[in-house]
C-alpha atoms as a PDB file:
ATOM      1  CA  MET A   1      34.623  -0.818  16.330  1.00  0.00           C
ATOM      2  CA  LEU A   2      35.598  -3.346  13.674  1.00  0.00           C
ATOM      3  CA  PRO A   3      38.553  -3.438  11.712  1.00  0.00           C
ATOM      4  CA  VAL A   4      38.263  -3.063   7.994  1.00  0.00           C
ATOM      5  CA  VAL A   5      40.341  -5.266   5.949  1.00  0.00           C
ATOM      6  CA  TRP A   6      40.955  -5.216   2.438  1.00  0.00           C
ATOM      7  CA  LEU A   7      41.193  -8.835   1.009  1.00  0.00           C
ATOM      8  CA  ALA A   8      44.072  -9.688  -1.392  1.00  0.00           C
ATOM      9  CA  GLY A   9      41.640  -9.586  -4.455  1.00  0.00           C
ATOM     10  CA  ALA A  10      40.007  -6.330  -3.366  1.00  0.00           C
ATOM     11  CA  LYS A  11      43.211  -4.826  -3.424  1.00  0.00           C
ATOM     12  CA  ASP A  12      44.185  -6.225  -6.669  1.00  0.00           C
ATOM     13  CA  ASP A  13      40.615  -4.740  -8.176  1.00  0.00           C
ATOM     14  CA  LEU A  14      41.558  -1.780  -7.065  1.00  0.00           C
ATOM     15  CA  ILE A  15      45.003  -1.256  -8.087  1.00  0.00           C
ATOM     16  CA  ARG A  16      43.651  -2.693 -11.601  1.00  0.00           C
ATOM     17  CA  ILE A  17      40.881   0.249 -11.938  1.00  0.00           C
ATOM     18  CA  ILE A  18      43.017   2.780 -10.688  1.00  0.00           C
ATOM     19  CA  ARG A  19      45.884   2.096 -13.182  1.00  0.00           C
ATOM     20  CA  PHE A  20      43.571   1.730 -16.015  1.00  0.00           C
ATOM     21  CA  ILE A  21      41.710   5.104 -15.469  1.00  0.00           C
ATOM     22  CA  ALA A  22      45.194   6.668 -14.245  1.00  0.00           C
ATOM     23  CA  ALA A  23      46.373   6.174 -17.979  1.00  0.00           C
ATOM     24  CA  GLU A  24      43.837   8.413 -19.671  1.00  0.00           C
ATOM     25  CA  ASN A  25      43.047  10.746 -16.684  1.00  0.00           C
ATOM     26  CA  PRO A  26      45.370  10.702 -13.403  1.00  0.00           C
ATOM     27  CA  ALA A  27      42.833  13.180 -11.561  1.00  0.00           C
ATOM     28  CA  ALA A  28      39.929  10.830 -12.154  1.00  0.00           C
ATOM     29  CA  ALA A  29      41.653   7.928 -10.934  1.00  0.00           C
ATOM     30  CA  ARG A  30      42.617  10.257  -7.443  1.00  0.00           C
ATOM     31  CA  ARG A  31      39.114  11.173  -6.985  1.00  0.00           C
ATOM     32  CA  LEU A  32      37.499   7.743  -7.761  1.00  0.00           C
ATOM     33  CA  LYS A  33      40.160   6.493  -5.215  1.00  0.00           C
ATOM     34  CA  ASP A  34      39.430   8.640  -2.546  1.00  0.00           C
ATOM     35  CA  ARG A  35      35.786   8.092  -3.058  1.00  0.00           C
ATOM     36  CA  LEU A  36      36.194   4.384  -2.281  1.00  0.00           C
ATOM     37  CA  PHE A  37      37.815   4.717   0.722  1.00  0.00           C
ATOM     38  CA  ALA A  38      35.719   7.521   1.764  1.00  0.00           C
ATOM     39  CA  VAL A  39      32.565   4.955   1.695  1.00  0.00           C
ATOM     40  CA  VAL A  40      34.488   2.082   3.038  1.00  0.00           C
ATOM     41  CA  GLN A  41      35.890   4.002   6.300  1.00  0.00           C
ATOM     42  CA  PRO A  42      32.415   4.055   8.142  1.00  0.00           C
ATOM     43  CA  LEU A  43      31.914   0.541   8.115  1.00  0.00           C
ATOM     44  CA  ALA A  44      34.308   0.311  11.157  1.00  0.00           C
ATOM     45  CA  GLU A  45      31.685   1.927  13.398  1.00  0.00           C
ATOM     46  CA  HIS A  46      28.328   0.937  11.224  1.00  0.00           C
ATOM     47  CA  PRO A  47      28.989  -2.418   9.245  1.00  0.00           C
ATOM     48  CA  LEU A  48      25.373  -3.087   8.402  1.00  0.00           C
ATOM     49  CA  MET A  49      24.823   0.569   6.981  1.00  0.00           C
ATOM     50  CA  TYR A  50      24.687  -0.496   3.482  1.00  0.00           C
ATOM     51  CA  PRO A  51      22.265  -3.651   2.288  1.00  0.00           C
ATOM     52  CA  GLN A  52      22.609  -7.141   1.687  1.00  0.00           C
ATOM     53  CA  SER A  53      23.898  -7.668  -2.048  1.00  0.00           C
ATOM     54  CA  TYR A  54      20.838  -9.038  -4.109  1.00  0.00           C
ATOM     55  CA  ARG A  55      23.234 -10.547  -6.804  1.00  0.00           C
ATOM     56  CA  LEU A  56      25.880 -12.439  -3.835  1.00  0.00           C
ATOM     57  CA  PRO A  57      24.540 -13.906  -0.958  1.00  0.00           C
ATOM     58  CA  GLY A  58      26.432 -13.353   2.235  1.00  0.00           C
ATOM     59  CA  LEU A  59      27.747 -10.174   1.024  1.00  0.00           C
ATOM     60  CA  ARG A  60      26.599  -6.406   1.088  1.00  0.00           C
ATOM     61  CA  GLU A  61      27.029  -3.786  -1.695  1.00  0.00           C
ATOM     62  CA  ILE A  62      27.782  -0.195  -1.732  1.00  0.00           C
ATOM     63  CA  VAL A  63      27.617   1.439  -5.056  1.00  0.00           C
ATOM     64  CA  ALA A  64      30.468   3.739  -4.380  1.00  0.00           C
ATOM     65  CA  HIS A  65      30.487   5.551  -7.908  1.00  0.00           C
ATOM     66  CA  PRO A  66      27.990   5.205 -10.627  1.00  0.00           C
ATOM     67  CA  SER A  67      30.242   2.769 -12.256  1.00  0.00           C
ATOM     68  CA  TYR A  68      31.879   0.784  -9.421  1.00  0.00           C
ATOM     69  CA  ALA A  69      30.432  -1.154  -6.188  1.00  0.00           C
ATOM     70  CA  VAL A  70      32.575  -2.097  -3.389  1.00  0.00           C
ATOM     71  CA  LEU A  71      31.685  -5.804  -2.038  1.00  0.00           C
ATOM     72  CA  TYR A  72      32.159  -6.397   1.616  1.00  0.00           C
ATOM     73  CA  ARG A  73      30.975  -9.004   4.426  1.00  0.00           C
ATOM     74  CA  VAL A  74      30.774  -8.530   8.023  1.00  0.00           C
ATOM     75  CA  THR A  75      32.067 -11.174  10.495  1.00  0.00           C
ATOM     76  CA  ALA A  76      32.241 -11.310  14.132  1.00  0.00           C
ATOM     77  CA  SER A  77      35.710  -9.851  14.077  1.00  0.00           C
ATOM     78  CA  ARG A  78      36.027  -7.590  11.408  1.00  0.00           C
ATOM     79  CA  VAL A  79      34.959  -6.283   7.952  1.00  0.00           C
ATOM     80  CA  GLU A  80      36.006  -7.632   4.864  1.00  0.00           C
ATOM     81  CA  ILE A  81      36.313  -5.843   1.735  1.00  0.00           C
ATOM     82  CA  VAL A  82      36.122  -8.581  -0.916  1.00  0.00           C
ATOM     83  CA  ALA A  83      35.935  -6.951  -4.318  1.00  0.00           C
ATOM     84  CA  VAL A  84      35.770  -3.393  -6.014  1.00  0.00           C
ATOM     85  CA  VAL A  85      33.675  -4.525  -9.295  1.00  0.00           C
ATOM     86  CA  HIS A  86      32.567  -2.408 -12.496  1.00  0.00           C
ATOM     87  CA  THR A  87      28.744  -2.333 -11.981  1.00  0.00           C
ATOM     88  CA  SER A  88      27.928  -3.510 -15.710  1.00  0.00           C
ATOM     89  CA  ARG A  89      29.729  -6.595 -14.684  1.00  0.00           C
ATOM     90  CA  ARG A  90      27.585  -9.526 -14.477  1.00  0.00           C
ATOM     91  CA  PHE A  91      27.474 -11.509 -11.022  1.00  0.00           C
ATOM     92  CA  PRO A  92      26.670 -15.173 -10.901  1.00  0.00           C
END
């Protein structure tokens, strides 16, 4: 089992997104936060369960919600949550 670590940028993304949504709909913000944590939790035991990102080599991508994706990488010692992004965002 690998530890799942949220990198600083991913934490910042999460906080920004949740605050933005909570300003209009606190209940929806809580549901999204719960959903994001729920899809990330199984990575400790199944780090390769989601596909590699076709947009960002070296990362895997979870479409956690129709509007949000979680990007992560698997190393030998841990799973790193790299970013939480809006699915309409353009990637390099």
